[in-house]
């Protein structure tokens, strides 16, 4: 999992971008890949877990999001039994 101090990409995010969350949110959200659904009240975003059940995480602060472009992704079972994806 990337360390939030390692990323310097603080630009605004667009809908459809793939991100992971900083270590501060891993316990709550898991170390999975997420898709940016919408940005509102920038710098806060709504996310959905890639491969998840459609649940949306609203109001996630930009400082906790790390844009990623993995060369490949791996399907895993999330803690809730739903499909999820992680960088490969």
PDB file of N, CA and C in Angstrom:
ATOM      1  N   UNK A   1       0.856  -1.180   0.000  1.00  0.00           N
ATOM      2  CA  UNK A   1       0.000   0.000   0.000  1.00  0.00           C
ATOM      3  C   UNK A   1       0.893   1.231   0.000  1.00  0.00           C
ATOM      4  N   UNK A   2       0.650   2.176  -0.888  1.00  0.00           N
ATOM      5  CA  UNK A   2       1.474   3.381  -0.921  1.00  0.00           C
ATOM      6  C   UNK A   2       1.311   4.199   0.354  1.00  0.00           C
ATOM      7  N   UNK A   3       2.346   4.857   0.750  1.00  0.00           N
ATOM      8  CA  UNK A   3       2.315   5.739   1.910  1.00  0.00           C
ATOM      9  C   UNK A   3       1.873   7.114   1.442  1.00  0.00           C
ATOM     10  N   UNK A   4       0.947   7.746   2.161  1.00  0.00           N
ATOM     11  CA  UNK A   4       0.425   9.034   1.716  1.00  0.00           C
ATOM     12  C   UNK A   4       1.513  10.094   1.599  1.00  0.00           C
ATOM     13  N   UNK A   5       2.631   9.927   2.293  1.00  0.00           N
ATOM     14  CA  UNK A   5       3.720  10.899   2.175  1.00  0.00           C
ATOM     15  C   UNK A   5       4.466  10.738   0.864  1.00  0.00           C
ATOM     16  N   UNK A   6       4.315   9.575   0.204  1.00  0.00           N
ATOM     17  CA  UNK A   6       5.056   9.310  -1.018  1.00  0.00           C
ATOM     18  C   UNK A   6       4.442   9.948  -2.257  1.00  0.00           C
ATOM     19  N   UNK A   7       3.186  10.355  -2.170  1.00  0.00           N
ATOM     20  CA  UNK A   7       2.566  10.888  -3.383  1.00  0.00           C
ATOM     21  C   UNK A   7       2.541  12.407  -3.334  1.00  0.00           C
ATOM     22  N   UNK A   8       2.825  12.982  -4.477  1.00  0.00           N
ATOM     23  CA  UNK A   8       2.847  14.435  -4.576  1.00  0.00           C
ATOM     24  C   UNK A   8       1.808  14.918  -5.576  1.00  0.00           C
ATOM     25  N   UNK A   9       0.989  14.017  -6.089  1.00  0.00           N
ATOM     26  CA  UNK A   9      -0.032  14.355  -7.071  1.00  0.00           C
ATOM     27  C   UNK A   9      -1.258  14.882  -6.334  1.00  0.00           C
ATOM     28  N   UNK A  10      -1.370  16.185  -6.209  1.00  0.00           N
ATOM     29  CA  UNK A  10      -2.478  16.793  -5.479  1.00  0.00           C
ATOM     30  C   UNK A  10      -3.489  17.471  -6.401  1.00  0.00           C
ATOM     31  N   UNK A  11      -3.438  17.148  -7.681  1.00  0.00           N
ATOM     32  CA  UNK A  11      -4.367  17.749  -8.638  1.00  0.00           C
ATOM     33  C   UNK A  11      -5.791  17.287  -8.351  1.00  0.00           C
ATOM     34  N   UNK A  12      -6.755  17.998  -8.906  1.00  0.00           N
ATOM     35  CA  UNK A  12      -8.149  17.567  -8.815  1.00  0.00           C
ATOM     36  C   UNK A  12      -8.313  16.267  -9.587  1.00  0.00           C
ATOM     37  N   UNK A  13      -9.217  15.432  -9.132  1.00  0.00           N
ATOM     38  CA  UNK A  13      -9.450  14.142  -9.772  1.00  0.00           C
ATOM     39  C   UNK A  13     -10.700  14.205 -10.639  1.00  0.00           C
ATOM     40  N   UNK A  14     -10.707  13.413 -11.701  1.00  0.00           N
ATOM     41  CA  UNK A  14     -11.848  13.344 -12.604  1.00  0.00           C
ATOM     42  C   UNK A  14     -12.628  12.068 -12.351  1.00  0.00           C
ATOM     43  N   UNK A  15     -13.921  12.113 -12.628  1.00  0.00           N
ATOM     44  CA  UNK A  15     -14.749  10.911 -12.545  1.00  0.00           C
ATOM     45  C   UNK A  15     -14.144   9.830 -13.429  1.00  0.00           C
ATOM     46  N   UNK A  16     -14.095   8.611 -12.921  1.00  0.00           N
ATOM     47  CA  UNK A  16     -13.536   7.492 -13.667  1.00  0.00           C
ATOM     48  C   UNK A  16     -12.106   7.159 -13.321  1.00  0.00           C
ATOM     49  N   UNK A  17     -11.414   8.045 -12.620  1.00  0.00           N
ATOM     50  CA  UNK A  17     -10.025   7.748 -12.243  1.00  0.00           C
ATOM     51  C   UNK A  17      -9.991   6.656 -11.186  1.00  0.00           C
ATOM     52  N   UNK A  18      -8.935   5.864 -11.219  1.00  0.00           N
ATOM     53  CA  UNK A  18      -8.734   4.807 -10.237  1.00  0.00           C
ATOM     54  C   UNK A  18      -7.809   5.330  -9.153  1.00  0.00           C
ATOM     55  N   UNK A  19      -8.200   5.095  -7.901  1.00  0.00           N
ATOM     56  CA  UNK A  19      -7.417   5.553  -6.763  1.00  0.00           C
ATOM     57  C   UNK A  19      -7.361   4.452  -5.715  1.00  0.00           C
ATOM     58  N   UNK A  20      -6.457   4.599  -4.800  1.00  0.00           N
ATOM     59  CA  UNK A  20      -6.436   3.813  -3.575  1.00  0.00           C
ATOM     60  C   UNK A  20      -6.465   4.820  -2.441  1.00  0.00           C
ATOM     61  N   UNK A  21      -6.642   4.334  -1.221  1.00  0.00           N
ATOM     62  CA  UNK A  21      -6.746   5.260  -0.096  1.00  0.00           C
ATOM     63  C   UNK A  21      -5.473   5.235   0.733  1.00  0.00           C
ATOM     64  N   UNK A  22      -5.218   6.348   1.386  1.00  0.00           N
ATOM     65  CA  UNK A  22      -4.044   6.487   2.244  1.00  0.00           C
ATOM     66  C   UNK A  22      -4.181   5.572   3.462  1.00  0.00           C
ATOM     67  N   UNK A  23      -3.067   5.261   4.107  1.00  0.00           N
ATOM     68  CA  UNK A  23      -3.095   4.379   5.267  1.00  0.00           C
ATOM     69  C   UNK A  23      -4.103   4.790   6.349  1.00  0.00           C
ATOM     70  N   UNK A  24      -4.392   6.062   6.469  1.00  0.00           N
ATOM     71  CA  UNK A  24      -5.338   6.525   7.490  1.00  0.00           C
ATOM     72  C   UNK A  24      -6.739   5.955   7.289  1.00  0.00           C
ATOM     73  N   UNK A  25      -7.093   5.548   6.068  1.00  0.00           N
ATOM     74  CA  UNK A  25      -8.438   5.030   5.790  1.00  0.00           C
ATOM     75  C   UNK A  25      -8.485   3.535   5.508  1.00  0.00           C
ATOM     76  N   UNK A  26      -7.346   2.868   5.500  1.00  0.00           N
ATOM     77  CA  UNK A  26      -7.316   1.447   5.152  1.00  0.00           C
ATOM     78  C   UNK A  26      -8.142   0.615   6.130  1.00  0.00           C
ATOM     79  N   UNK A  27      -8.088   0.901   7.408  1.00  0.00           N
ATOM     80  CA  UNK A  27      -8.870   0.117   8.368  1.00  0.00           C
ATOM     81  C   UNK A  27     -10.361   0.224   8.091  1.00  0.00           C
ATOM     82  N   UNK A  28     -10.813   1.389   7.693  1.00  0.00           N
ATOM     83  CA  UNK A  28     -12.231   1.614   7.427  1.00  0.00           C
ATOM     84  C   UNK A  28     -12.662   1.125   6.045  1.00  0.00           C
ATOM     85  N   UNK A  29     -11.842   1.405   5.030  1.00  0.00           N
ATOM     86  CA  UNK A  29     -12.244   1.140   3.653  1.00  0.00           C
ATOM     87  C   UNK A  29     -11.533  -0.051   3.011  1.00  0.00           C
ATOM     88  N   UNK A  30     -10.458  -0.526   3.594  1.00  0.00           N
ATOM     89  CA  UNK A  30      -9.698  -1.609   2.992  1.00  0.00           C
ATOM     90  C   UNK A  30      -8.685  -1.085   1.993  1.00  0.00           C
ATOM     91  N   UNK A  31      -7.717  -1.897   1.668  1.00  0.00           N
ATOM     92  CA  UNK A  31      -6.648  -1.496   0.758  1.00  0.00           C
ATOM     93  C   UNK A  31      -6.962  -1.834  -0.685  1.00  0.00           C
ATOM     94  N   UNK A  32      -8.163  -1.541  -1.131  1.00  0.00           N
ATOM     95  CA  UNK A  32      -8.617  -1.904  -2.463  1.00  0.00           C
ATOM     96  C   UNK A  32      -8.482  -0.741  -3.437  1.00  0.00           C
ATOM     97  N   UNK A  33      -8.850  -1.004  -4.678  1.00  0.00           N
ATOM     98  CA  UNK A  33      -8.917   0.041  -5.689  1.00  0.00           C
ATOM     99  C   UNK A  33     -10.336   0.603  -5.719  1.00  0.00           C
ATOM    100  N   UNK A  34     -10.424   1.901  -5.915  1.00  0.00           N
ATOM    101  CA  UNK A  34     -11.704   2.602  -5.974  1.00  0.00           C
ATOM    102  C   UNK A  34     -11.777   3.413  -7.257  1.00  0.00           C
ATOM    103  N   UNK A  35     -12.993   3.692  -7.694  1.00  0.00           N
ATOM    104  CA  UNK A  35     -13.237   4.539  -8.849  1.00  0.00           C
ATOM    105  C   UNK A  35     -13.851   5.837  -8.346  1.00  0.00           C
ATOM    106  N   UNK A  36     -13.326   6.958  -8.821  1.00  0.00           N
ATOM    107  CA  UNK A  36     -13.914   8.254  -8.475  1.00  0.00           C
ATOM    108  C   UNK A  36     -15.235   8.367  -9.222  1.00  0.00           C
ATOM    109  N   UNK A  37     -16.317   8.531  -8.470  1.00  0.00           N
ATOM    110  CA  UNK A  37     -17.649   8.668  -9.061  1.00  0.00           C
ATOM    111  C   UNK A  37     -17.953  10.123  -9.344  1.00  0.00           C
ATOM    112  N   UNK A  38     -17.635  10.980  -8.383  1.00  0.00           N
ATOM    113  CA  UNK A  38     -17.988  12.388  -8.510  1.00  0.00           C
ATOM    114  C   UNK A  38     -17.128  13.193  -7.557  1.00  0.00           C
ATOM    115  N   UNK A  39     -16.879  14.421  -7.949  1.00  0.00           N
ATOM    116  CA  UNK A  39     -16.204  15.365  -7.069  1.00  0.00           C
ATOM    117  C   UNK A  39     -17.200  16.447  -6.708  1.00  0.00           C
ATOM    118  N   UNK A  40     -17.261  16.774  -5.451  1.00  0.00           N
ATOM    119  CA  UNK A  40     -18.148  17.849  -5.038  1.00  0.00           C
ATOM    120  C   UNK A  40     -17.486  18.565  -3.887  1.00  0.00           C
ATOM    121  N   UNK A  41     -17.789  19.835  -3.780  1.00  0.00           N
ATOM    122  CA  UNK A  41     -17.187  20.610  -2.701  1.00  0.00           C
ATOM    123  C   UNK A  41     -15.690  20.333  -2.658  1.00  0.00           C
ATOM    124  N   UNK A  42     -15.063  20.349  -3.871  1.00  0.00           N
ATOM    125  CA  UNK A  42     -13.644  20.039  -3.993  1.00  0.00           C
ATOM    126  C   UNK A  42     -12.918  20.607  -2.789  1.00  0.00           C
ATOM    127  N   UNK A  43     -12.151  19.878  -2.074  1.00  0.00           N
ATOM    128  CA  UNK A  43     -11.466  18.650  -2.460  1.00  0.00           C
ATOM    129  C   UNK A  43     -12.067  17.370  -1.849  1.00  0.00           C
ATOM    130  N   UNK A  44     -13.344  17.163  -1.913  1.00  0.00           N
ATOM    131  CA  UNK A  44     -13.972  15.925  -1.426  1.00  0.00           C
ATOM    132  C   UNK A  44     -14.592  15.177  -2.604  1.00  0.00           C
ATOM    133  N   UNK A  45     -14.544  13.842  -2.515  1.00  0.00           N
ATOM    134  CA  UNK A  45     -14.971  13.009  -3.628  1.00  0.00           C
ATOM    135  C   UNK A  45     -15.861  11.870  -3.154  1.00  0.00           C
ATOM    136  N   UNK A  46     -16.659  11.352  -4.083  1.00  0.00           N
ATOM    137  CA  UNK A  46     -17.434  10.143  -3.857  1.00  0.00           C
ATOM    138  C   UNK A  46     -16.739   9.016  -4.602  1.00  0.00           C
ATOM    139  N   UNK A  47     -16.560   7.873  -3.917  1.00  0.00           N
ATOM    140  CA  UNK A  47     -15.858   6.723  -4.481  1.00  0.00           C
ATOM    141  C   UNK A  47     -16.748   5.495  -4.453  1.00  0.00           C
ATOM    142  N   UNK A  48     -16.481   4.559  -5.351  1.00  0.00           N
ATOM    143  CA  UNK A  48     -17.082   3.227  -5.308  1.00  0.00           C
ATOM    144  C   UNK A  48     -15.950   2.223  -5.457  1.00  0.00           C
ATOM    145  N   UNK A  49     -16.037   1.131  -4.713  1.00  0.00           N
ATOM    146  CA  UNK A  49     -14.990   0.115  -4.791  1.00  0.00           C
ATOM    147  C   UNK A  49     -15.062  -0.586  -6.140  1.00  0.00           C
ATOM    148  N   UNK A  50     -13.943  -0.674  -6.820  1.00  0.00           N
ATOM    149  CA  UNK A  50     -13.863  -1.350  -8.107  1.00  0.00           C
ATOM    150  C   UNK A  50     -14.245  -2.813  -7.908  1.00  0.00           C
ATOM    151  N   UNK A  51     -15.303  -3.254  -8.589  1.00  0.00           N
ATOM    152  CA  UNK A  51     -15.765  -4.628  -8.470  1.00  0.00           C
ATOM    153  C   UNK A  51     -16.687  -4.860  -7.294  1.00  0.00           C
ATOM    154  N   UNK A  52     -16.991  -3.816  -6.549  1.00  0.00           N
ATOM    155  CA  UNK A  52     -17.827  -3.954  -5.355  1.00  0.00           C
ATOM    156  C   UNK A  52     -19.307  -4.016  -5.675  1.00  0.00           C
ATOM    157  N   UNK A  53     -20.113  -3.839  -4.648  1.00  0.00           N
ATOM    158  CA  UNK A  53     -21.563  -3.974  -4.772  1.00  0.00           C
ATOM    159  C   UNK A  53     -22.267  -2.668  -5.130  1.00  0.00           C
ATOM    160  N   UNK A  54     -21.511  -1.623  -5.423  1.00  0.00           N
ATOM    161  CA  UNK A  54     -22.100  -0.348  -5.802  1.00  0.00           C
ATOM    162  C   UNK A  54     -22.192   0.644  -4.659  1.00  0.00           C
ATOM    163  N   UNK A  55     -21.836   0.212  -3.441  1.00  0.00           N
ATOM    164  CA  UNK A  55     -21.850   1.129  -2.312  1.00  0.00           C
ATOM    165  C   UNK A  55     -20.907   2.294  -2.620  1.00  0.00           C
ATOM    166  N   UNK A  56     -21.351   3.490  -2.296  1.00  0.00           N
ATOM    167  CA  UNK A  56     -20.535   4.680  -2.534  1.00  0.00           C
ATOM    168  C   UNK A  56     -20.058   5.274  -1.219  1.00  0.00           C
ATOM    169  N   UNK A  57     -18.794   5.650  -1.194  1.00  0.00           N
ATOM    170  CA  UNK A  57     -18.183   6.307  -0.041  1.00  0.00           C
ATOM    171  C   UNK A  57     -18.182   7.806  -0.338  1.00  0.00           C
ATOM    172  N   UNK A  58     -19.068   8.586   0.284  1.00  0.00           N
ATOM    173  CA  UNK A  58     -19.113  10.027   0.003  1.00  0.00           C
ATOM    174  C   UNK A  58     -18.139  10.814   0.870  1.00  0.00           C
ATOM    175  N   UNK A  59     -17.842  12.016   0.441  1.00  0.00           N
ATOM    176  CA  UNK A  59     -17.064  12.979   1.235  1.00  0.00           C
ATOM    177  C   UNK A  59     -15.675  12.504   1.643  1.00  0.00           C
ATOM    178  N   UNK A  60     -14.989  11.807   0.767  1.00  0.00           N
ATOM    179  CA  UNK A  60     -13.623  11.378   1.064  1.00  0.00           C
ATOM    180  C   UNK A  60     -12.692  12.525   0.675  1.00  0.00           C
ATOM    181  N   UNK A  61     -11.896  12.973   1.627  1.00  0.00           N
ATOM    182  CA  UNK A  61     -10.999  14.108   1.390  1.00  0.00           C
ATOM    183  C   UNK A  61      -9.905  13.747   0.387  1.00  0.00           C
ATOM    184  N   UNK A  62      -9.580  14.685  -0.477  1.00  0.00           N
ATOM    185  CA  UNK A  62      -8.549  14.490  -1.503  1.00  0.00           C
ATOM    186  C   UNK A  62      -7.223  14.069  -0.891  1.00  0.00           C
ATOM    187  N   UNK A  63      -6.909  14.591   0.267  1.00  0.00           N
ATOM    188  CA  UNK A  63      -5.622  14.268   0.906  1.00  0.00           C
ATOM    189  C   UNK A  63      -5.492  12.779   1.233  1.00  0.00           C
ATOM    190  N   UNK A  64      -6.596  12.052   1.244  1.00  0.00           N
ATOM    191  CA  UNK A  64      -6.567  10.621   1.550  1.00  0.00           C
ATOM    192  C   UNK A  64      -6.641   9.739   0.302  1.00  0.00           C
ATOM    193  N   UNK A  65      -6.596  10.357  -0.876  1.00  0.00           N
ATOM    194  CA  UNK A  65      -6.702   9.601  -2.120  1.00  0.00           C
ATOM    195  C   UNK A  65      -5.390   9.619  -2.883  1.00  0.00           C
ATOM    196  N   UNK A  66      -5.007   8.465  -3.367  1.00  0.00           N
ATOM    197  CA  UNK A  66      -3.759   8.317  -4.108  1.00  0.00           C
ATOM    198  C   UNK A  66      -4.094   7.790  -5.506  1.00  0.00           C
ATOM    199  N   UNK A  67      -3.954   8.625  -6.536  1.00  0.00           N
ATOM    200  CA  UNK A  67      -4.216   8.157  -7.900  1.00  0.00           C
ATOM    201  C   UNK A  67      -3.239   7.041  -8.273  1.00  0.00           C
ATOM    202  N   UNK A  68      -3.752   6.014  -8.919  1.00  0.00           N
ATOM    203  CA  UNK A  68      -2.894   4.903  -9.341  1.00  0.00           C
ATOM    204  C   UNK A  68      -3.209   4.540 -10.778  1.00  0.00           C
ATOM    205  N   UNK A  69      -2.251   3.966 -11.441  1.00  0.00           N
ATOM    206  CA  UNK A  69      -2.415   3.442 -12.793  1.00  0.00           C
ATOM    207  C   UNK A  69      -1.684   2.105 -12.846  1.00  0.00           C
ATOM    208  N   UNK A  70      -2.236   1.103 -12.165  1.00  0.00           N
ATOM    209  CA  UNK A  70      -1.534  -0.182 -12.120  1.00  0.00           C
ATOM    210  C   UNK A  70      -1.475  -0.833 -13.490  1.00  0.00           C
ATOM    211  N   UNK A  71      -0.374  -1.517 -13.754  1.00  0.00           N
ATOM    212  CA  UNK A  71      -0.244  -2.236 -15.017  1.00  0.00           C
ATOM    213  C   UNK A  71      -1.200  -3.416 -15.059  1.00  0.00           C
ATOM    214  N   UNK A  72      -1.505  -3.950 -13.892  1.00  0.00           N
ATOM    215  CA  UNK A  72      -2.498  -5.014 -13.795  1.00  0.00           C
ATOM    216  C   UNK A  72      -3.169  -4.954 -12.432  1.00  0.00           C
ATOM    217  N   UNK A  73      -4.330  -5.557 -12.364  1.00  0.00           N
ATOM    218  CA  UNK A  73      -5.053  -5.602 -11.103  1.00  0.00           C
ATOM    219  C   UNK A  73      -5.391  -7.056 -10.791  1.00  0.00           C
ATOM    220  N   UNK A  74      -5.549  -7.347  -9.515  1.00  0.00           N
ATOM    221  CA  UNK A  74      -5.816  -8.703  -9.066  1.00  0.00           C
ATOM    222  C   UNK A  74      -7.162  -8.725  -8.351  1.00  0.00           C
ATOM    223  N   UNK A  75      -8.022  -9.673  -8.715  1.00  0.00           N
ATOM    224  CA  UNK A  75      -9.317  -9.825  -8.067  1.00  0.00           C
ATOM    225  C   UNK A  75      -9.125 -10.572  -6.755  1.00  0.00           C
ATOM    226  N   UNK A  76      -9.716 -10.046  -5.695  1.00  0.00           N
ATOM    227  CA  UNK A  76      -9.680 -10.674  -4.376  1.00  0.00           C
ATOM    228  C   UNK A  76     -11.089 -10.641  -3.799  1.00  0.00           C
ATOM    229  N   UNK A  77     -11.306 -11.407  -2.748  1.00  0.00           N
ATOM    230  CA  UNK A  77     -12.556 -11.319  -2.015  1.00  0.00           C
ATOM    231  C   UNK A  77     -12.357 -10.326  -0.889  1.00  0.00           C
ATOM    232  N   UNK A  78     -13.220  -9.324  -0.827  1.00  0.00           N
ATOM    233  CA  UNK A  78     -13.154  -8.342   0.246  1.00  0.00           C
ATOM    234  C   UNK A  78     -13.560  -8.956   1.570  1.00  0.00           C
ATOM    235  N   UNK A  79     -13.311  -8.253   2.649  1.00  0.00           N
ATOM    236  CA  UNK A  79     -13.665  -8.725   3.990  1.00  0.00           C
ATOM    237  C   UNK A  79     -15.165  -8.985   4.094  1.00  0.00           C
ATOM    238  N   UNK A  80     -15.961  -8.295   3.276  1.00  0.00           N
ATOM    239  CA  UNK A  80     -17.417  -8.473   3.304  1.00  0.00           C
ATOM    240  C   UNK A  80     -17.891  -9.553   2.346  1.00  0.00           C
ATOM    241  N   UNK A  81     -16.953 -10.273   1.718  1.00  0.00           N
ATOM    242  CA  UNK A  81     -17.294 -11.330   0.797  1.00  0.00           C
ATOM    243  C   UNK A  81     -17.541 -10.876  -0.624  1.00  0.00           C
ATOM    244  N   UNK A  82     -17.583  -9.578  -0.870  1.00  0.00           N
ATOM    245  CA  UNK A  82     -17.790  -9.053  -2.210  1.00  0.00           C
ATOM    246  C   UNK A  82     -16.455  -9.026  -2.968  1.00  0.00           C
ATOM    247  N   UNK A  83     -16.545  -9.048  -4.289  1.00  0.00           N
ATOM    248  CA  UNK A  83     -15.341  -8.946  -5.101  1.00  0.00           C
ATOM    249  C   UNK A  83     -14.708  -7.581  -4.918  1.00  0.00           C
ATOM    250  N   UNK A  84     -13.398  -7.559  -4.988  1.00  0.00           N
ATOM    251  CA  UNK A  84     -12.647  -6.298  -4.909  1.00  0.00           C
ATOM    252  C   UNK A  84     -11.382  -6.494  -5.732  1.00  0.00           C
ATOM    253  N   UNK A  85     -10.691  -5.396  -5.976  1.00  0.00           N
ATOM    254  CA  UNK A  85      -9.461  -5.443  -6.761  1.00  0.00           C
ATOM    255  C   UNK A  85      -8.362  -4.678  -6.054  1.00  0.00           C
ATOM    256  N   UNK A  86      -7.140  -5.175  -6.210  1.00  0.00           N
ATOM    257  CA  UNK A  86      -5.967  -4.517  -5.652  1.00  0.00           C
ATOM    258  C   UNK A  86      -4.942  -4.374  -6.767  1.00  0.00           C
ATOM    259  N   UNK A  87      -3.990  -3.421  -6.618  1.00  0.00           N
ATOM    260  CA  UNK A  87      -2.929  -3.311  -7.625  1.00  0.00           C
ATOM    261  C   UNK A  87      -2.113  -4.594  -7.672  1.00  0.00           C
ATOM    262  N   UNK A  88      -1.698  -5.000  -8.879  1.00  0.00           N
ATOM    263  CA  UNK A  88      -0.957  -6.246  -9.015  1.00  0.00           C
ATOM    264  C   UNK A  88       0.476  -6.071  -9.239  1.00  0.00           C
TER     265      UNK A  88
END
